[in-house]
């Protein structure tokens, strides 16, 4: 039985601390994210494939499934 994939993650801006729940794409990486509060443009930290893996409460769906998000 496969584990349930979570599609929502709360992203927290490292610059201002603003948090927002977002729905993650299941078929692509989200490399950039703009904070609604301070307008900072976030990108993944070294070693992470997307902004959800770096700043989210839940890793992206491909990583949850044990595969690579960007190939």
C-alpha atoms as a PDB file:
ATOM      1  CA  UNK A   1       0.000   0.000   0.000  1.00  0.00           C
ATOM      2  CA  UNK A   2       1.458   3.337  -1.055  1.00  0.00           C
ATOM      3  CA  UNK A   3       1.853   6.164   1.419  1.00  0.00           C
ATOM      4  CA  UNK A   4      -0.504   9.102   1.100  1.00  0.00           C
ATOM      5  CA  UNK A   5       1.125  12.015  -0.693  1.00  0.00           C
ATOM      6  CA  UNK A   6       0.543  15.382   0.917  1.00  0.00           C
ATOM      7  CA  UNK A   7      -0.121  18.128  -1.628  1.00  0.00           C
ATOM      8  CA  UNK A   8      -0.139  21.165   0.678  1.00  0.00           C
ATOM      9  CA  UNK A   9       2.836  22.684   2.438  1.00  0.00           C
ATOM     10  CA  UNK A  10       3.264  25.841   4.509  1.00  0.00           C
ATOM     11  CA  UNK A  11       6.122  27.927   3.147  1.00  0.00           C
ATOM     12  CA  UNK A  12       7.869  30.217   5.622  1.00  0.00           C
ATOM     13  CA  UNK A  13       9.870  33.149   4.286  1.00  0.00           C
ATOM     14  CA  UNK A  14      13.370  33.140   5.816  1.00  0.00           C
ATOM     15  CA  UNK A  15      13.552  36.931   5.455  1.00  0.00           C
ATOM     16  CA  UNK A  16      10.389  38.104   7.235  1.00  0.00           C
ATOM     17  CA  UNK A  17       8.843  34.954   8.754  1.00  0.00           C
ATOM     18  CA  UNK A  18       5.591  35.218   6.740  1.00  0.00           C
ATOM     19  CA  UNK A  19       3.858  31.848   6.320  1.00  0.00           C
ATOM     20  CA  UNK A  20       1.353  30.711   3.731  1.00  0.00           C
ATOM     21  CA  UNK A  21      -0.104  27.339   2.851  1.00  0.00           C
ATOM     22  CA  UNK A  22       0.372  26.517  -0.824  1.00  0.00           C
ATOM     23  CA  UNK A  23      -0.606  23.593  -3.029  1.00  0.00           C
ATOM     24  CA  UNK A  24       2.438  21.892  -4.507  1.00  0.00           C
ATOM     25  CA  UNK A  25       2.660  20.900  -8.174  1.00  0.00           C
ATOM     26  CA  UNK A  26       2.794  17.129  -8.614  1.00  0.00           C
ATOM     27  CA  UNK A  27       4.527  17.116 -12.003  1.00  0.00           C
ATOM     28  CA  UNK A  28       7.151  19.872 -11.804  1.00  0.00           C
ATOM     29  CA  UNK A  29       9.618  21.655  -9.554  1.00  0.00           C
ATOM     30  CA  UNK A  30       8.734  25.059  -8.202  1.00  0.00           C
ATOM     31  CA  UNK A  31      12.137  26.688  -8.286  1.00  0.00           C
ATOM     32  CA  UNK A  32      11.086  30.241  -7.390  1.00  0.00           C
ATOM     33  CA  UNK A  33       8.565  31.598  -4.904  1.00  0.00           C
ATOM     34  CA  UNK A  34       7.758  35.225  -4.125  1.00  0.00           C
ATOM     35  CA  UNK A  35       6.855  36.057  -0.536  1.00  0.00           C
ATOM     36  CA  UNK A  36       3.527  37.890  -0.439  1.00  0.00           C
ATOM     37  CA  UNK A  37       4.636  39.968   2.523  1.00  0.00           C
ATOM     38  CA  UNK A  38       8.177  41.228   1.798  1.00  0.00           C
ATOM     39  CA  UNK A  39       8.294  40.306  -1.941  1.00  0.00           C
ATOM     40  CA  UNK A  40      11.561  38.397  -1.481  1.00  0.00           C
ATOM     41  CA  UNK A  41      12.219  35.923  -4.301  1.00  0.00           C
ATOM     42  CA  UNK A  42      13.035  32.569  -2.731  1.00  0.00           C
ATOM     43  CA  UNK A  43      14.923  29.797  -4.455  1.00  0.00           C
ATOM     44  CA  UNK A  44      15.983  26.366  -3.180  1.00  0.00           C
ATOM     45  CA  UNK A  45      18.910  25.987  -0.807  1.00  0.00           C
ATOM     46  CA  UNK A  46      21.926  24.015  -2.020  1.00  0.00           C
ATOM     47  CA  UNK A  47      21.041  20.327  -2.246  1.00  0.00           C
ATOM     48  CA  UNK A  48      17.268  20.879  -2.413  1.00  0.00           C
ATOM     49  CA  UNK A  49      15.243  20.515  -5.611  1.00  0.00           C
ATOM     50  CA  UNK A  50      12.557  23.138  -4.963  1.00  0.00           C
ATOM     51  CA  UNK A  51      11.336  25.864  -2.609  1.00  0.00           C
ATOM     52  CA  UNK A  52       9.014  23.412  -0.822  1.00  0.00           C
ATOM     53  CA  UNK A  53      11.944  21.171   0.121  1.00  0.00           C
ATOM     54  CA  UNK A  54      13.860  24.202   1.443  1.00  0.00           C
ATOM     55  CA  UNK A  55      11.184  26.325   3.123  1.00  0.00           C
ATOM     56  CA  UNK A  56       8.045  24.192   3.374  1.00  0.00           C
ATOM     57  CA  UNK A  57       6.641  22.074   6.172  1.00  0.00           C
ATOM     58  CA  UNK A  58       6.256  19.169   3.711  1.00  0.00           C
ATOM     59  CA  UNK A  59       8.695  18.039   1.018  1.00  0.00           C
ATOM     60  CA  UNK A  60       7.479  18.075  -2.601  1.00  0.00           C
ATOM     61  CA  UNK A  61       5.395  15.115  -3.905  1.00  0.00           C
ATOM     62  CA  UNK A  62       8.202  13.485  -5.979  1.00  0.00           C
ATOM     63  CA  UNK A  63      10.534  13.509  -2.950  1.00  0.00           C
ATOM     64  CA  UNK A  64       7.724  12.066  -0.800  1.00  0.00           C
ATOM     65  CA  UNK A  65       7.461   9.248  -3.375  1.00  0.00           C
ATOM     66  CA  UNK A  66      11.210   8.641  -3.225  1.00  0.00           C
ATOM     67  CA  UNK A  67      11.972   9.973  -6.704  1.00  0.00           C
ATOM     68  CA  UNK A  68      13.715  13.079  -7.995  1.00  0.00           C
ATOM     69  CA  UNK A  69      11.581  16.087  -8.770  1.00  0.00           C
ATOM     70  CA  UNK A  70      13.861  17.546 -11.432  1.00  0.00           C
ATOM     71  CA  UNK A  71      15.403  14.421 -12.881  1.00  0.00           C
END
